[in-house]
Amino acid sequence: MRHTVVLLIALTLVGSSAPSWASSSSTAVEVGASAGSALGTLMYAPLKATFCILGGIGSGFTAIASPPTAGKVAMATCGGSWIVTPNVIRGRESLKFLGDTSPDRTTAAR
């Protein structure tokens, strides 16, 4: 098992350093951003899932009093970014922890 994991990691590193068209960022930056993205997602996804589950529970209780507000709670807690992309690591994009709760979004779901 250990040899398989080492082989997969080696193939990933060799495959990502294959020659390609010239770009503004170096291979080391690409590998670092990809590794940071994977590590960030491993830490961020469980936190986001917990927040979504708790928001779903809260949304269920909110639905008793106000169904439209419950939809907003669910969209806010379960929406947004679920993975950390390399562009987030590089600072080109922002990580959206909360989802979009604009009025247009809630009426389109009906």
N, C-alpha and C. Protein backbone atom coordinates (compact mmCIF):
# COMPACT_ATOMS: atom_id res chain seq x y z
N MET A 1 0.82 -1.19 0.00
CA MET A 1 0.00 0.00 0.00
C MET A 1 0.87 1.26 0.00
N ARG A 2 1.92 1.23 0.81
CA ARG A 2 2.80 2.38 0.91
C ARG A 2 3.48 2.65 -0.44
N HIS A 3 3.88 1.58 -1.13
CA HIS A 3 4.54 1.75 -2.43
C HIS A 3 3.58 2.34 -3.46
N THR A 4 2.32 1.97 -3.39
CA THR A 4 1.32 2.50 -4.31
C THR A 4 1.13 3.99 -4.09
N VAL A 5 1.05 4.41 -2.85
CA VAL A 5 0.87 5.84 -2.54
C VAL A 5 2.09 6.63 -3.01
N VAL A 6 3.29 6.13 -2.76
CA VAL A 6 4.50 6.81 -3.19
C VAL A 6 4.55 6.90 -4.71
N LEU A 7 4.15 5.84 -5.40
CA LEU A 7 4.13 5.84 -6.85
C LEU A 7 3.13 6.85 -7.38
N LEU A 8 1.96 6.93 -6.79
CA LEU A 8 0.96 7.90 -7.23
C LEU A 8 1.42 9.34 -7.00
N ILE A 9 2.06 9.59 -5.90
CA ILE A 9 2.58 10.93 -5.63
C ILE A 9 3.68 11.29 -6.63
N ALA A 10 4.56 10.34 -6.91
CA ALA A 10 5.64 10.59 -7.88
C ALA A 10 5.08 10.85 -9.27
N LEU A 11 4.09 10.07 -9.68
CA LEU A 11 3.48 10.28 -11.00
C LEU A 11 2.76 11.62 -11.07
N THR A 12 2.15 12.03 -9.99
CA THR A 12 1.48 13.33 -9.95
C THR A 12 2.49 14.46 -10.11
N LEU A 13 3.60 14.37 -9.40
CA LEU A 13 4.62 15.41 -9.50
C LEU A 13 5.27 15.44 -10.88
N VAL A 14 5.54 14.28 -11.46
CA VAL A 14 6.14 14.23 -12.79
C VAL A 14 5.14 14.72 -13.83
N GLY A 15 3.88 14.32 -13.70
CA GLY A 15 2.85 14.75 -14.65
C GLY A 15 2.60 16.24 -14.60
N SER A 16 2.68 16.83 -13.42
CA SER A 16 2.43 18.26 -13.31
C SER A 16 3.62 19.08 -13.80
N SER A 17 4.80 18.46 -13.92
CA SER A 17 5.96 19.20 -14.40
C SER A 17 6.24 18.93 -15.87
N ALA A 18 5.29 18.31 -16.57
CA ALA A 18 5.46 18.05 -17.99
C ALA A 18 5.51 19.37 -18.75
N PRO A 19 6.26 19.42 -19.84
CA PRO A 19 6.37 20.68 -20.58
C PRO A 19 5.02 21.11 -21.15
N SER A 20 4.78 22.40 -21.11
CA SER A 20 3.55 22.97 -21.65
C SER A 20 3.87 24.36 -22.18
N TRP A 21 2.86 25.04 -22.68
CA TRP A 21 3.05 26.40 -23.17
C TRP A 21 3.50 27.28 -22.02
N ALA A 22 4.28 28.27 -22.34
CA ALA A 22 4.80 29.19 -21.32
C ALA A 22 3.66 29.93 -20.64
N SER A 23 3.75 30.03 -19.35
CA SER A 23 2.75 30.78 -18.59
C SER A 23 3.47 31.73 -17.65
N SER A 24 2.69 32.58 -17.00
CA SER A 24 3.30 33.58 -16.13
C SER A 24 3.76 33.00 -14.80
N SER A 25 3.28 31.85 -14.43
CA SER A 25 3.68 31.28 -13.14
C SER A 25 4.54 30.04 -13.35
N SER A 26 5.45 29.80 -12.47
CA SER A 26 6.37 28.68 -12.60
C SER A 26 5.72 27.38 -12.14
N THR A 27 6.36 26.30 -12.46
CA THR A 27 5.86 24.98 -12.08
C THR A 27 5.83 24.83 -10.57
N ALA A 28 6.83 25.36 -9.90
CA ALA A 28 6.88 25.25 -8.43
C ALA A 28 5.69 25.97 -7.80
N VAL A 29 5.32 27.12 -8.35
CA VAL A 29 4.17 27.86 -7.83
C VAL A 29 2.89 27.07 -8.07
N GLU A 30 2.78 26.47 -9.26
CA GLU A 30 1.59 25.66 -9.57
C GLU A 30 1.47 24.46 -8.63
N VAL A 31 2.57 23.77 -8.41
CA VAL A 31 2.56 22.61 -7.51
C VAL A 31 2.24 23.05 -6.09
N GLY A 32 2.82 24.16 -5.66
CA GLY A 32 2.56 24.66 -4.31
C GLY A 32 1.11 25.09 -4.13
N ALA A 33 0.56 25.76 -5.15
CA ALA A 33 -0.84 26.18 -5.06
C ALA A 33 -1.78 24.97 -5.07
N SER A 34 -1.44 23.97 -5.86
CA SER A 34 -2.27 22.76 -5.90
C SER A 34 -2.20 21.99 -4.58
N ALA A 35 -1.00 21.90 -4.02
CA ALA A 35 -0.85 21.21 -2.74
C ALA A 35 -1.56 21.98 -1.63
N GLY A 36 -1.43 23.30 -1.65
CA GLY A 36 -2.13 24.12 -0.66
C GLY A 36 -3.63 24.02 -0.81
N SER A 37 -4.09 23.92 -2.05
CA SER A 37 -5.52 23.76 -2.32
C SER A 37 -6.03 22.44 -1.74
N ALA A 38 -5.28 21.37 -1.98
CA ALA A 38 -5.70 20.06 -1.47
C ALA A 38 -5.70 20.04 0.06
N LEU A 39 -4.66 20.56 0.66
CA LEU A 39 -4.57 20.58 2.13
C LEU A 39 -5.65 21.50 2.71
N GLY A 40 -5.85 22.64 2.08
CA GLY A 40 -6.88 23.57 2.54
C GLY A 40 -8.27 22.97 2.46
N THR A 41 -8.54 22.25 1.37
CA THR A 41 -9.84 21.60 1.22
C THR A 41 -10.04 20.51 2.27
N LEU A 42 -8.98 19.77 2.57
CA LEU A 42 -9.08 18.72 3.59
C LEU A 42 -9.45 19.29 4.96
N MET A 43 -9.00 20.50 5.24
CA MET A 43 -9.32 21.11 6.53
C MET A 43 -10.64 21.89 6.46
N TYR A 44 -10.94 22.49 5.31
CA TYR A 44 -12.10 23.37 5.18
C TYR A 44 -13.41 22.59 4.98
N ALA A 45 -13.40 21.52 4.21
CA ALA A 45 -14.63 20.79 3.88
C ALA A 45 -15.36 20.24 5.11
N PRO A 46 -14.68 19.62 6.08
CA PRO A 46 -15.41 19.16 7.27
C PRO A 46 -16.02 20.31 8.08
N LEU A 47 -15.32 21.43 8.14
CA LEU A 47 -15.86 22.60 8.83
C LEU A 47 -17.11 23.11 8.11
N LYS A 48 -17.04 23.18 6.79
CA LYS A 48 -18.17 23.65 6.00
C LYS A 48 -19.35 22.67 6.10
N ALA A 49 -19.07 21.37 6.10
CA ALA A 49 -20.13 20.37 6.23
C ALA A 49 -20.82 20.47 7.59
N THR A 50 -20.05 20.67 8.64
CA THR A 50 -20.63 20.84 9.97
C THR A 50 -21.51 22.08 10.03
N PHE A 51 -21.04 23.18 9.45
CA PHE A 51 -21.81 24.40 9.41
C PHE A 51 -23.11 24.20 8.62
N CYS A 52 -23.05 23.46 7.52
CA CYS A 52 -24.23 23.20 6.70
C CYS A 52 -25.24 22.33 7.45
N ILE A 53 -24.76 21.32 8.14
CA ILE A 53 -25.66 20.45 8.91
C ILE A 53 -26.35 21.23 10.02
N LEU A 54 -25.58 22.02 10.76
CA LEU A 54 -26.18 22.83 11.82
C LEU A 54 -27.14 23.86 11.25
N GLY A 55 -26.81 24.42 10.09
CA GLY A 55 -27.72 25.36 9.43
C GLY A 55 -28.99 24.69 8.97
N GLY A 56 -28.88 23.45 8.51
CA GLY A 56 -30.07 22.70 8.11
C GLY A 56 -30.99 22.43 9.30
N ILE A 57 -30.39 22.11 10.43
CA ILE A 57 -31.19 21.90 11.64
C ILE A 57 -31.86 23.21 12.06
N GLY A 58 -31.11 24.29 12.04
CA GLY A 58 -31.68 25.59 12.37
C GLY A 58 -32.74 26.01 11.38
N SER A 59 -32.53 25.68 10.10
CA SER A 59 -33.51 25.99 9.07
C SER A 59 -34.81 25.23 9.30
N GLY A 60 -34.71 24.01 9.78
CA GLY A 60 -35.91 23.23 10.09
C GLY A 60 -36.73 23.87 11.18
N PHE A 61 -36.08 24.35 12.22
CA PHE A 61 -36.80 25.03 13.29
C PHE A 61 -37.35 26.38 12.82
N THR A 62 -36.61 27.05 11.95
CA THR A 62 -37.06 28.34 11.44
C THR A 62 -38.26 28.18 10.52
N ALA A 63 -38.36 27.05 9.83
CA ALA A 63 -39.46 26.81 8.90
C ALA A 63 -40.81 26.80 9.60
N ILE A 64 -40.83 26.50 10.87
CA ILE A 64 -42.09 26.49 11.62
C ILE A 64 -42.68 27.89 11.66
N ALA A 65 -41.84 28.89 11.86
CA ALA A 65 -42.32 30.27 11.99
C ALA A 65 -42.33 31.01 10.67
N SER A 66 -41.31 30.79 9.83
CA SER A 66 -41.20 31.57 8.59
C SER A 66 -40.49 30.75 7.51
N PRO A 67 -41.24 30.08 6.64
CA PRO A 67 -40.60 29.27 5.59
C PRO A 67 -39.65 30.05 4.67
N PRO A 68 -39.97 31.29 4.25
CA PRO A 68 -39.00 32.00 3.41
C PRO A 68 -37.67 32.27 4.12
N THR A 69 -37.74 32.57 5.40
CA THR A 69 -36.52 32.79 6.15
C THR A 69 -35.74 31.49 6.30
N ALA A 70 -36.44 30.39 6.44
CA ALA A 70 -35.78 29.10 6.54
C ALA A 70 -35.00 28.79 5.26
N GLY A 71 -35.55 29.15 4.11
CA GLY A 71 -34.84 28.96 2.85
C GLY A 71 -33.58 29.80 2.79
N LYS A 72 -33.65 31.01 3.31
CA LYS A 72 -32.47 31.88 3.33
C LYS A 72 -31.39 31.32 4.25
N VAL A 73 -31.82 30.78 5.39
CA VAL A 73 -30.86 30.19 6.33
C VAL A 73 -30.16 28.99 5.67
N ALA A 74 -30.94 28.15 5.00
CA ALA A 74 -30.37 26.97 4.35
C ALA A 74 -29.41 27.37 3.23
N MET A 75 -29.80 28.37 2.43
CA MET A 75 -28.93 28.81 1.34
C MET A 75 -27.66 29.48 1.85
N ALA A 76 -27.77 30.19 2.95
CA ALA A 76 -26.59 30.86 3.51
C ALA A 76 -25.61 29.86 4.09
N THR A 77 -26.12 28.86 4.79
CA THR A 77 -25.21 27.93 5.45
C THR A 77 -24.66 26.86 4.51
N CYS A 78 -25.44 26.40 3.55
CA CYS A 78 -24.98 25.33 2.66
C CYS A 78 -24.46 25.85 1.32
N GLY A 79 -24.67 27.12 1.03
CA GLY A 79 -24.16 27.68 -0.21
C GLY A 79 -22.72 28.14 -0.04
N GLY A 80 -22.22 28.79 -1.06
CA GLY A 80 -20.85 29.27 -1.00
C GLY A 80 -19.86 28.23 -1.50
N SER A 81 -18.61 28.44 -1.22
CA SER A 81 -17.54 27.56 -1.69
C SER A 81 -17.41 26.34 -0.80
N TRP A 82 -17.27 25.19 -1.44
CA TRP A 82 -17.06 23.96 -0.69
C TRP A 82 -15.63 23.44 -0.82
N ILE A 83 -14.89 23.95 -1.81
CA ILE A 83 -13.49 23.54 -1.96
C ILE A 83 -12.60 24.77 -2.05
N VAL A 84 -11.36 24.59 -1.69
CA VAL A 84 -10.36 25.65 -1.79
C VAL A 84 -9.62 25.42 -3.11
N THR A 85 -9.77 26.32 -4.04
CA THR A 85 -9.14 26.18 -5.34
C THR A 85 -7.73 26.78 -5.32
N PRO A 86 -6.89 26.41 -6.28
CA PRO A 86 -5.57 27.04 -6.35
C PRO A 86 -5.65 28.56 -6.52
N ASN A 87 -6.69 29.06 -7.19
CA ASN A 87 -6.83 30.51 -7.34
C ASN A 87 -7.12 31.19 -6.00
N VAL A 88 -7.76 30.50 -5.08
CA VAL A 88 -7.97 31.05 -3.74
C VAL A 88 -6.63 31.14 -3.02
N ILE A 89 -5.82 30.12 -3.18
CA ILE A 89 -4.50 30.10 -2.54
C ILE A 89 -3.63 31.24 -3.09
N ARG A 90 -3.71 31.47 -4.40
CA ARG A 90 -2.92 32.54 -5.03
C ARG A 90 -3.48 33.93 -4.75
N GLY A 91 -4.70 34.03 -4.24
CA GLY A 91 -5.31 35.31 -3.94
C GLY A 91 -6.08 35.91 -5.10
N ARG A 92 -6.32 35.14 -6.15
CA ARG A 92 -7.07 35.63 -7.32
C ARG A 92 -8.58 35.57 -7.10
N GLU A 93 -9.02 34.70 -6.24
CA GLU A 93 -10.44 34.55 -5.90
C GLU A 93 -10.58 34.61 -4.39
N SER A 94 -11.80 34.88 -3.94
CA SER A 94 -12.03 34.83 -2.50
C SER A 94 -12.84 33.57 -2.16
N LEU A 95 -12.66 33.11 -0.97
CA LEU A 95 -13.38 31.94 -0.49
C LEU A 95 -14.69 32.42 0.13
N LYS A 96 -15.81 31.98 -0.44
CA LYS A 96 -17.11 32.40 0.06
C LYS A 96 -17.62 31.35 1.05
N PHE A 97 -17.57 31.68 2.34
CA PHE A 97 -18.04 30.75 3.35
C PHE A 97 -19.56 30.70 3.38
N LEU A 98 -20.22 31.85 3.20
CA LEU A 98 -21.68 31.92 3.20
C LEU A 98 -22.21 31.97 1.77
N GLY A 99 -23.38 31.39 1.58
CA GLY A 99 -23.99 31.40 0.27
C GLY A 99 -24.74 32.68 -0.02
N ASP A 100 -25.26 32.77 -1.24
CA ASP A 100 -25.99 33.95 -1.69
C ASP A 100 -27.44 33.86 -1.21
N THR A 101 -27.90 34.90 -0.54
CA THR A 101 -29.28 34.94 -0.05
C THR A 101 -30.04 36.12 -0.62
N SER A 102 -29.66 36.54 -1.81
CA SER A 102 -30.33 37.69 -2.42
C SER A 102 -31.79 37.34 -2.72
N PRO A 103 -32.66 38.33 -2.78
CA PRO A 103 -34.08 38.07 -3.04
C PRO A 103 -34.31 37.36 -4.37
N ASP A 104 -33.50 37.66 -5.39
CA ASP A 104 -33.68 37.01 -6.67
C ASP A 104 -33.43 35.52 -6.57
N ARG A 105 -32.49 35.12 -5.76
CA ARG A 105 -32.13 33.71 -5.61
C ARG A 105 -33.24 32.94 -4.90
N THR A 106 -33.88 33.54 -3.90
CA THR A 106 -34.93 32.84 -3.14
C THR A 106 -36.19 32.69 -3.96
N THR A 107 -36.53 33.67 -4.78
CA THR A 107 -37.76 33.56 -5.58
C THR A 107 -37.58 32.61 -6.76
N ALA A 108 -36.35 32.46 -7.25
CA ALA A 108 -36.12 31.55 -8.36
C ALA A 108 -36.24 30.10 -7.93
N ALA A 109 -36.03 29.81 -6.67
CA ALA A 109 -36.10 28.44 -6.17
C ALA A 109 -37.53 27.95 -5.98
N ARG A 110 -38.49 28.82 -6.04
CA ARG A 110 -39.88 28.41 -5.79
C ARG A 110 -40.47 27.68 -6.93
